[in-house]
Protein backbone atom coordinates (compact mmCIF):
# COMPACT_ATOMS: atom_id res chain seq x y z
CA UNK A 1 -28.21 -54.62 7.79
CA UNK A 2 -29.55 -51.21 8.79
CA UNK A 3 -27.29 -51.11 11.83
CA UNK A 4 -24.28 -52.01 9.73
CA UNK A 5 -25.20 -49.31 7.24
CA UNK A 6 -25.53 -46.72 10.00
CA UNK A 7 -22.23 -47.84 11.51
CA UNK A 8 -20.51 -47.50 8.16
CA UNK A 9 -21.91 -43.97 7.71
CA UNK A 10 -20.75 -43.03 11.21
CA UNK A 11 -17.25 -44.38 10.56
CA UNK A 12 -17.03 -42.53 7.25
CA UNK A 13 -18.28 -39.33 8.86
CA UNK A 14 -15.73 -39.69 11.66
CA UNK A 15 -13.01 -40.32 9.12
CA UNK A 16 -13.95 -37.25 7.17
CA UNK A 17 -13.97 -35.21 10.38
CA UNK A 18 -10.45 -36.28 11.27
CA UNK A 19 -9.31 -35.82 7.67
CA UNK A 20 -10.73 -32.32 7.72
CA UNK A 21 -8.97 -31.60 11.01
CA UNK A 22 -5.71 -32.92 9.63
CA UNK A 23 -6.12 -30.79 6.55
CA UNK A 24 -6.88 -27.72 8.67
CA UNK A 25 -3.87 -28.48 10.87
CA UNK A 26 -1.74 -28.30 7.74
CA UNK A 27 -2.83 -24.75 6.98
CA UNK A 28 -1.77 -21.30 8.08
CA UNK A 29 -4.54 -18.76 7.61
CA UNK A 30 -3.55 -15.22 6.66
CA UNK A 31 -6.13 -12.45 6.35
CA UNK A 32 -6.00 -10.02 3.45
CA UNK A 33 -7.77 -6.67 3.84
CA UNK A 34 -8.28 -5.05 0.44
CA UNK A 35 -10.66 -2.66 -1.30
CA UNK A 36 -12.34 -4.65 -4.05
CA UNK A 37 -15.12 -2.06 -4.41
CA UNK A 38 -15.27 1.69 -3.83
CA UNK A 39 -12.82 4.42 -4.81
CA UNK A 40 -9.70 2.33 -4.11
CA UNK A 41 -10.90 -0.79 -5.94
CA UNK A 42 -8.37 -0.35 -8.75
CA UNK A 43 -5.55 -0.66 -6.24
CA UNK A 44 -7.20 -3.38 -4.18
CA UNK A 45 -8.01 -5.77 -6.99
CA UNK A 46 -4.39 -5.74 -8.12
CA UNK A 47 -3.22 -6.28 -4.54
CA UNK A 48 -5.35 -9.36 -4.03
CA UNK A 49 -4.30 -10.91 -7.34
CA UNK A 50 -0.64 -10.26 -6.53
CA UNK A 51 -0.95 -11.69 -3.03
CA UNK A 52 -2.71 -14.78 -4.39
CA UNK A 53 0.10 -15.23 -6.92
CA UNK A 54 2.69 -15.09 -4.12
CA UNK A 55 0.76 -17.62 -2.03
CA UNK A 56 0.47 -19.95 -5.02
CA UNK A 57 4.24 -19.76 -5.65
CA UNK A 58 5.08 -20.37 -1.99
CA UNK A 59 2.68 -23.30 -1.65
CA UNK A 60 4.08 -24.94 -4.80
CA UNK A 61 7.45 -24.96 -3.04
CA UNK A 62 6.01 -26.64 0.05
CA UNK A 63 4.60 -23.68 1.93
CA UNK A 64 6.22 -22.70 5.22
CA UNK A 65 7.00 -24.96 8.18
CA UNK A 66 5.52 -27.78 6.13
CA UNK A 67 2.13 -26.08 5.96
CA UNK A 68 0.17 -24.39 3.20
CA UNK A 69 -0.67 -20.68 3.34
CA UNK A 70 -4.39 -20.00 2.96
CA UNK A 71 -5.34 -16.43 2.10
CA UNK A 72 -8.59 -15.16 3.64
CA UNK A 73 -9.57 -11.96 1.77
CA UNK A 74 -12.12 -9.37 2.85
CA UNK A 75 -13.36 -6.32 0.94
CA UNK A 76 -13.22 -3.16 3.08
CA UNK A 77 -15.04 -1.21 0.32
CA UNK A 78 -12.92 1.92 0.90
CA UNK A 79 -14.75 2.50 4.20
CA UNK A 80 -12.94 2.50 7.54
CA UNK A 81 -15.95 1.01 9.36
CA UNK A 82 -15.97 -1.94 6.96
CA UNK A 83 -12.26 -2.44 7.54
CA UNK A 84 -12.90 -2.64 11.28
CA UNK A 85 -15.70 -5.19 10.85
CA UNK A 86 -13.63 -7.27 8.44
CA UNK A 87 -10.64 -7.43 10.80
CA UNK A 88 -12.86 -8.45 13.69
CA UNK A 89 -14.26 -11.33 11.62
CA UNK A 90 -10.81 -12.43 10.43
CA UNK A 91 -9.59 -12.69 14.02
CA UNK A 92 -12.69 -14.06 15.78
CA UNK A 93 -14.22 -16.20 13.05
CA UNK A 94 -11.41 -17.19 10.67
CA UNK A 95 -8.64 -17.42 13.28
CA UNK A 96 -5.98 -15.87 11.07
CA UNK A 97 -2.44 -15.66 12.47
CA UNK A 98 -1.67 -12.39 10.67
CA UNK A 99 -3.25 -9.83 8.35
CA UNK A 100 -1.90 -8.08 5.27
CA UNK A 101 -3.45 -4.79 4.14
CA UNK A 102 -5.02 -2.39 3.84
CA UNK A 103 -3.58 -0.09 1.21
CA UNK A 104 -4.75 3.09 2.96
CA UNK A 105 -3.58 4.77 6.15
CA UNK A 106 -7.07 5.57 7.40
CA UNK A 107 -8.08 1.91 7.31
CA UNK A 108 -4.98 0.74 9.16
CA UNK A 109 -5.30 3.47 11.78
CA UNK A 110 -8.91 2.38 12.34
CA UNK A 111 -8.01 -1.30 12.72
CA UNK A 112 -4.88 -0.77 14.83
CA UNK A 113 -6.65 -0.89 18.22
CA UNK A 114 -8.31 -4.19 17.27
CA UNK A 115 -5.23 -6.07 16.07
CA UNK A 116 -3.10 -4.80 18.94
CA UNK A 117 -5.68 -5.80 21.55
CA UNK A 118 -6.06 -9.23 19.92
CA UNK A 119 -2.31 -9.66 19.41
CA UNK A 120 -2.51 -10.36 15.68
CA UNK A 121 0.14 -8.68 13.48
CA UNK A 122 -1.02 -6.53 10.56
CA UNK A 123 1.14 -5.31 7.66
CA UNK A 124 0.05 -2.17 5.82
CA UNK A 125 0.98 -2.28 2.14
CA UNK A 126 0.80 1.36 1.08
CA UNK A 127 -0.23 2.84 4.44
CA UNK A 128 2.26 5.66 4.86
CA UNK A 129 0.83 7.78 7.72
CA UNK A 130 3.03 7.57 10.87
CA UNK A 131 0.02 6.71 13.06
CA UNK A 132 -0.32 3.35 11.34
CA UNK A 133 2.50 1.94 13.48
CA UNK A 134 2.76 4.38 16.43
CA UNK A 135 0.11 6.01 18.61
CA UNK A 136 -0.45 9.75 19.10
CA UNK A 137 2.30 9.83 21.75
CA UNK A 138 4.79 8.17 19.43
CA UNK A 139 4.71 4.80 21.20
CA UNK A 140 5.06 1.85 18.87
CA UNK A 141 1.99 -0.32 18.26
CA UNK A 142 3.45 -3.80 18.91
CA UNK A 143 1.35 -5.62 16.29
CA UNK A 144 1.23 -2.94 13.55
CA UNK A 145 3.75 -2.95 10.69
CA UNK A 146 4.22 -1.57 7.19
CA UNK A 147 6.27 -2.49 4.13
CA UNK A 148 6.17 1.00 2.59
CA UNK A 149 8.09 4.11 3.63
CA UNK A 150 6.28 6.77 5.67
CA UNK A 151 4.72 10.13 4.82
CA UNK A 152 7.48 12.11 6.58
CA UNK A 153 10.04 10.33 4.41
CA UNK A 154 7.87 10.61 1.31
CA UNK A 155 7.35 14.33 1.99
CA UNK A 156 11.11 14.73 2.19
CA UNK A 157 11.49 12.91 -1.12
CA UNK A 158 8.96 15.21 -2.81
CA UNK A 159 10.61 18.36 -1.45
CA UNK A 160 14.04 17.14 -2.59
CA UNK A 161 12.68 16.32 -6.04
CA UNK A 162 11.18 19.81 -6.42
CA UNK A 163 14.08 21.86 -5.08
CA UNK A 164 17.21 19.78 -5.60
CA UNK A 165 16.39 17.94 -8.82
CA UNK A 166 14.05 20.34 -10.66
CA UNK A 167 15.02 23.72 -9.11
CA UNK A 168 11.42 24.69 -8.28
CA UNK A 169 10.99 26.87 -5.20
CA UNK A 170 7.51 28.41 -5.44
CA UNK A 171 5.13 25.71 -4.37
CA UNK A 172 1.37 25.18 -4.34
CA UNK A 173 -0.48 22.46 -2.45
CA UNK A 174 -3.86 20.92 -3.32
CA UNK A 175 -4.85 18.23 -0.83
CA UNK A 176 -7.77 16.07 0.32
CA UNK A 177 -9.17 17.13 3.71
CA UNK A 178 -11.01 13.79 3.98
CA UNK A 179 -7.83 11.68 3.82
CA UNK A 180 -5.36 10.96 6.65
CA UNK A 181 -2.81 10.06 4.00
CA UNK A 182 -3.24 13.33 2.11
CA UNK A 183 -3.17 15.54 5.19
CA UNK A 184 -0.06 13.85 6.57
CA UNK A 185 1.85 13.99 3.30
CA UNK A 186 0.89 17.67 2.84
CA UNK A 187 2.25 18.57 6.27
CA UNK A 188 5.60 16.83 5.90
CA UNK A 189 6.15 17.97 2.32
CA UNK A 190 5.52 21.60 3.29
CA UNK A 191 7.93 21.38 6.22
CA UNK A 192 10.78 19.95 4.16
CA UNK A 193 10.09 22.25 1.21
CA UNK A 194 10.58 25.23 3.54
CA UNK A 195 13.77 23.74 5.04
CA UNK A 196 15.24 23.48 1.53
CA UNK A 197 14.51 27.15 0.77
CA UNK A 198 11.17 26.73 -0.98
CA UNK A 199 8.18 29.00 -0.36
CA UNK A 200 4.59 27.77 -0.36
CA UNK A 201 2.56 30.42 -2.19
CA UNK A 202 -0.79 28.59 -2.27
CA UNK A 203 -2.46 26.01 -0.03
CA UNK A 204 -5.81 24.74 -1.34
CA UNK A 205 -8.09 21.86 -0.33
CA UNK A 206 -10.91 19.63 -1.61
CA UNK A 207 -13.00 16.77 -0.25
CA UNK A 208 -12.24 13.41 -1.82
CA UNK A 209 -15.20 11.34 -2.94
CA UNK A 210 -17.36 14.45 -3.29
CA UNK A 211 -15.59 17.17 -5.26
CA UNK A 212 -15.01 16.86 -8.99
CA UNK A 213 -14.60 20.50 -10.08
CA UNK A 214 -11.31 22.01 -8.91
CA UNK A 215 -11.19 25.06 -11.15
CA UNK A 216 -11.63 27.59 -8.32
CA UNK A 217 -8.68 26.18 -6.37
CA UNK A 218 -6.59 25.88 -9.54
CA UNK A 219 -7.32 29.47 -10.52
CA UNK A 220 -5.99 30.60 -7.14
CA UNK A 221 -2.91 28.45 -7.68
CA UNK A 222 -2.39 29.89 -11.17
CA UNK A 223 -2.66 33.43 -9.80
CA UNK A 224 -0.17 32.68 -7.02
CA UNK A 225 2.73 32.30 -9.46
CA UNK A 226 3.60 28.81 -8.27
CA UNK A 227 6.07 26.85 -10.41
CA UNK A 228 5.36 23.45 -8.81
CA UNK A 229 2.09 21.87 -7.67
CA UNK A 230 2.12 19.13 -5.03
CA UNK A 231 -0.78 16.66 -5.13
CA UNK A 232 -0.74 14.44 -2.01
CA UNK A 233 -3.87 12.54 -3.01
CA UNK A 234 -5.17 9.32 -4.50
CA UNK A 235 -5.97 8.37 -8.09
CA UNK A 236 -9.20 9.75 -9.55
CA UNK A 237 -9.23 13.25 -8.05
CA UNK A 238 -5.59 13.84 -8.97
CA UNK A 239 -6.28 12.90 -12.57
CA UNK A 240 -9.19 15.34 -12.73
CA UNK A 241 -7.09 18.09 -11.13
CA UNK A 242 -4.28 17.63 -13.65
CA UNK A 243 -6.68 17.62 -16.59
CA UNK A 244 -8.41 20.78 -15.39
CA UNK A 245 -5.10 22.50 -14.64
CA UNK A 246 -3.91 22.02 -18.21
CA UNK A 247 -7.31 23.15 -19.54
CA UNK A 248 -6.86 26.37 -17.55
CA UNK A 249 -3.63 27.01 -19.44
CA UNK A 250 -1.20 25.84 -16.75
CA UNK A 251 1.05 24.12 -19.28
CA UNK A 252 4.41 24.92 -17.68
CA UNK A 253 3.43 24.14 -14.09
CA UNK A 254 5.41 21.15 -12.81
CA UNK A 255 3.04 18.70 -11.11
CA UNK A 256 4.11 15.95 -8.73
CA UNK A 257 2.69 13.61 -6.12
CA UNK A 258 3.39 10.55 -4.04
CA UNK A 259 2.48 6.89 -4.10
CA UNK A 260 -1.22 7.62 -4.56
CA UNK A 261 -0.49 7.57 -8.29
CA UNK A 262 -2.44 4.96 -10.26
CA UNK A 263 -2.13 3.70 -13.83
CA UNK A 264 -5.84 4.30 -14.47
CA UNK A 265 -5.28 8.05 -14.09
CA UNK A 266 -4.24 8.24 -17.73
CA UNK A 267 -7.71 7.00 -18.73
CA UNK A 268 -9.12 10.14 -17.06
CA UNK A 269 -6.46 12.79 -17.68
CA UNK A 270 -5.05 11.55 -21.00
CA UNK A 271 -2.05 13.47 -22.40
CA UNK A 272 -2.40 16.07 -19.62
CA UNK A 273 -0.70 13.52 -17.36
CA UNK A 274 2.46 13.40 -19.50
CA UNK A 275 5.43 15.04 -17.78
CA UNK A 276 4.10 14.67 -14.23
CA UNK A 277 6.33 13.17 -11.52
CA UNK A 278 5.49 10.62 -8.82
CA UNK A 279 7.55 9.49 -5.86
CA UNK A 280 7.15 5.77 -5.36
CA UNK A 281 8.62 2.46 -4.21
CA UNK A 282 9.51 0.72 -7.46
CA UNK A 283 9.20 1.04 -11.22
CA UNK A 284 8.16 -1.06 -14.17
CA UNK A 285 11.81 -1.17 -15.24
CA UNK A 286 13.04 -2.59 -11.91
CA UNK A 287 15.06 -5.71 -12.91
CA UNK A 288 14.19 -7.48 -9.67
CA UNK A 289 10.48 -7.30 -10.42
CA UNK A 290 10.51 -8.61 -13.99
CA UNK A 291 9.81 -12.25 -13.01
CA UNK A 292 6.81 -11.04 -11.00
CA UNK A 293 5.41 -8.94 -13.85
CA UNK A 294 5.87 -11.88 -16.23
CA UNK A 295 4.20 -14.35 -13.84
CA UNK A 296 1.32 -11.93 -13.23
CA UNK A 297 0.69 -11.55 -16.95
CA UNK A 298 0.84 -15.30 -17.50
CA UNK A 299 -1.63 -16.04 -14.70
CA UNK A 300 -4.11 -13.21 -15.26
CA UNK A 301 -3.67 -12.58 -19.01
CA UNK A 302 -3.15 -8.89 -18.32
CA UNK A 303 -0.48 -6.37 -17.39
CA UNK A 304 -0.08 -5.63 -13.70
CA UNK A 305 -1.95 -2.33 -13.53
CA UNK A 306 -1.44 -0.30 -10.31
CA UNK A 307 1.87 -2.12 -10.28
CA UNK A 308 3.22 -0.48 -7.11
CA UNK A 309 0.34 -1.91 -5.10
CA UNK A 310 0.94 -5.24 -6.78
CA UNK A 311 4.64 -5.25 -5.93
CA UNK A 312 4.11 -4.29 -2.28
CA UNK A 313 1.30 -6.81 -1.84
CA UNK A 314 3.39 -9.57 -3.41
CA UNK A 315 6.42 -8.80 -1.26
CA UNK A 316 4.29 -8.41 1.89
CA UNK A 317 3.36 -12.08 1.53
CA UNK A 318 6.99 -13.07 1.09
CA UNK A 319 8.03 -10.94 4.08
CA UNK A 320 5.34 -12.49 6.28
CA UNK A 321 6.34 -16.02 5.24
CA UNK A 322 9.98 -15.20 6.01
CA UNK A 323 8.88 -14.00 9.47
CA UNK A 324 6.85 -17.18 10.09
CA UNK A 325 9.88 -19.24 9.10
CA UNK A 326 12.12 -17.28 11.48
CA UNK A 327 9.50 -17.51 14.24
CA UNK A 328 9.53 -21.29 13.87
CA UNK A 329 5.81 -21.54 14.50
CA UNK A 330 2.52 -20.14 13.23
CA UNK A 331 1.93 -18.14 16.40
CA UNK A 332 0.82 -14.51 16.13
CA UNK A 333 3.00 -13.20 18.96
CA UNK A 334 6.08 -15.00 17.66
CA UNK A 335 5.40 -13.75 14.12
CA UNK A 336 5.14 -10.16 15.38
CA UNK A 337 8.52 -10.50 17.10
CA UNK A 338 10.04 -11.86 13.90
CA UNK A 339 8.58 -9.02 11.84
CA UNK A 340 9.99 -6.51 14.33
CA UNK A 341 13.46 -8.08 14.18
CA UNK A 342 13.59 -8.05 10.36
CA UNK A 343 17.11 -7.17 9.27
CA UNK A 344 18.35 -7.13 5.68
CA UNK A 345 15.71 -9.54 4.43
CA UNK A 346 16.00 -9.70 0.66
CA UNK A 347 12.64 -9.20 -0.99
CA UNK A 348 12.02 -8.73 -4.70
CA UNK A 349 11.79 -4.91 -4.72
CA UNK A 350 14.13 -4.02 -1.85
CA UNK A 351 16.34 -5.13 1.00
CA UNK A 352 14.17 -4.73 4.09
CA UNK A 353 15.18 -3.84 7.64
CA UNK A 354 12.70 -2.71 10.29
CA UNK A 355 13.27 -0.12 13.00
CA UNK A 356 11.93 -1.72 16.23
CA UNK A 357 11.20 1.73 17.69
CA UNK A 358 8.48 2.54 15.14
CA UNK A 359 8.13 -0.57 12.92
CA UNK A 360 9.05 1.43 9.82
CA UNK A 361 11.37 0.22 7.04
CA UNK A 362 14.79 1.81 7.36
CA UNK A 363 16.52 3.77 4.59
CA UNK A 364 14.39 2.63 1.66
CA UNK A 365 15.40 4.41 -1.51
CA UNK A 366 12.62 6.37 -3.19
CA UNK A 367 12.02 5.94 -6.90
CA UNK A 368 10.76 8.88 -8.98
CA UNK A 369 8.52 8.01 -11.91
CA UNK A 370 7.67 10.26 -14.84
CA UNK A 371 4.71 9.78 -17.16
CA UNK A 372 5.69 9.58 -20.84
CA UNK A 373 3.79 9.78 -24.12
CA UNK A 374 2.82 6.11 -23.94
CA UNK A 375 0.75 6.95 -20.86
CA UNK A 376 2.91 4.81 -18.59
CA UNK A 377 5.07 5.62 -15.59
CA UNK A 378 8.78 5.25 -16.29
CA UNK A 379 11.88 5.43 -14.11
CA UNK A 380 13.24 8.98 -13.75
CA UNK A 381 15.68 8.93 -10.83
CA UNK A 382 16.29 7.61 -7.33
CA UNK A 383 16.29 9.79 -4.21
CA UNK A 384 17.59 8.99 -0.76
CA UNK A 385 17.82 12.25 1.22
CA UNK A 386 19.98 12.31 4.34
């Protein structure tokens, strides 16, 4: 009797082992690198929820290649060293076939050597610095991609908004010396502003994560006679800068920035944020994104705050699944080739084509948002400079 009992246990255990293997064989693991804690947590939490929503929708329709997508998220805590450690674990321990995230250039630049050595494709969501997808010599990183436009293009959009749309030609810059994103966007914006006939009359800096009083820099900007202030930063500091600028009497100064804008900034700056402009990838009024916003609210019982991050995370999943389908197999090298050959793939927020020379989206139209009295970002205009 004992032997029979042991035999039965062994058979059951073996059956469970094979069942588990079969279940695993029916999965495609995708890593998700996101900041759930730290300064970028507001963006990262929305990204993960949006990505999970996309995975749920895709799996309900049968997944891809007859397999379910399994998202493997890691918190990089807004620290590049944690991003590196997370990516190593995703590849070595979790055996992911691809990675989505992070939402910051510095993190993607830090992880680029790892994913390219391992041959695992990584898609940056809001990682706009050129070095995310090319090295210092301009050579493409074969396994690094992005869904967003780049800082050179974003800088051109900002300069065009200031000079062409708003007729502002005396510029001031206040940027974060601790951010690759901020430094890159500053450089390209200044270059294009000068090409369009603008003059930069003030160039001030701060250190993100440390500085909270910007009155000295803002006083210099006020005294310079600038009529437009460029803020190539991220969330919290920009909100504090805007609030302090208005408190210093800079009521008529036009203030604008890039895709580092976040909905939570209104909680910090309040009405001081009204009338500011932000170059971005989509808007709350985008008809193509309404089903997503509705589904997000239904699932999470809340509005999609930091909606740009949500949109790009959501569509990054759909883009990756399209690439897996075109690759015909869940193989990292084949997926990377499919991502590189993306041409006119219809996503929810845009038609996407990728330049194989630098792995950047080609000719994406920029959306300009303006903050209104309700504290929300609304569509202002579209810009696509030549």
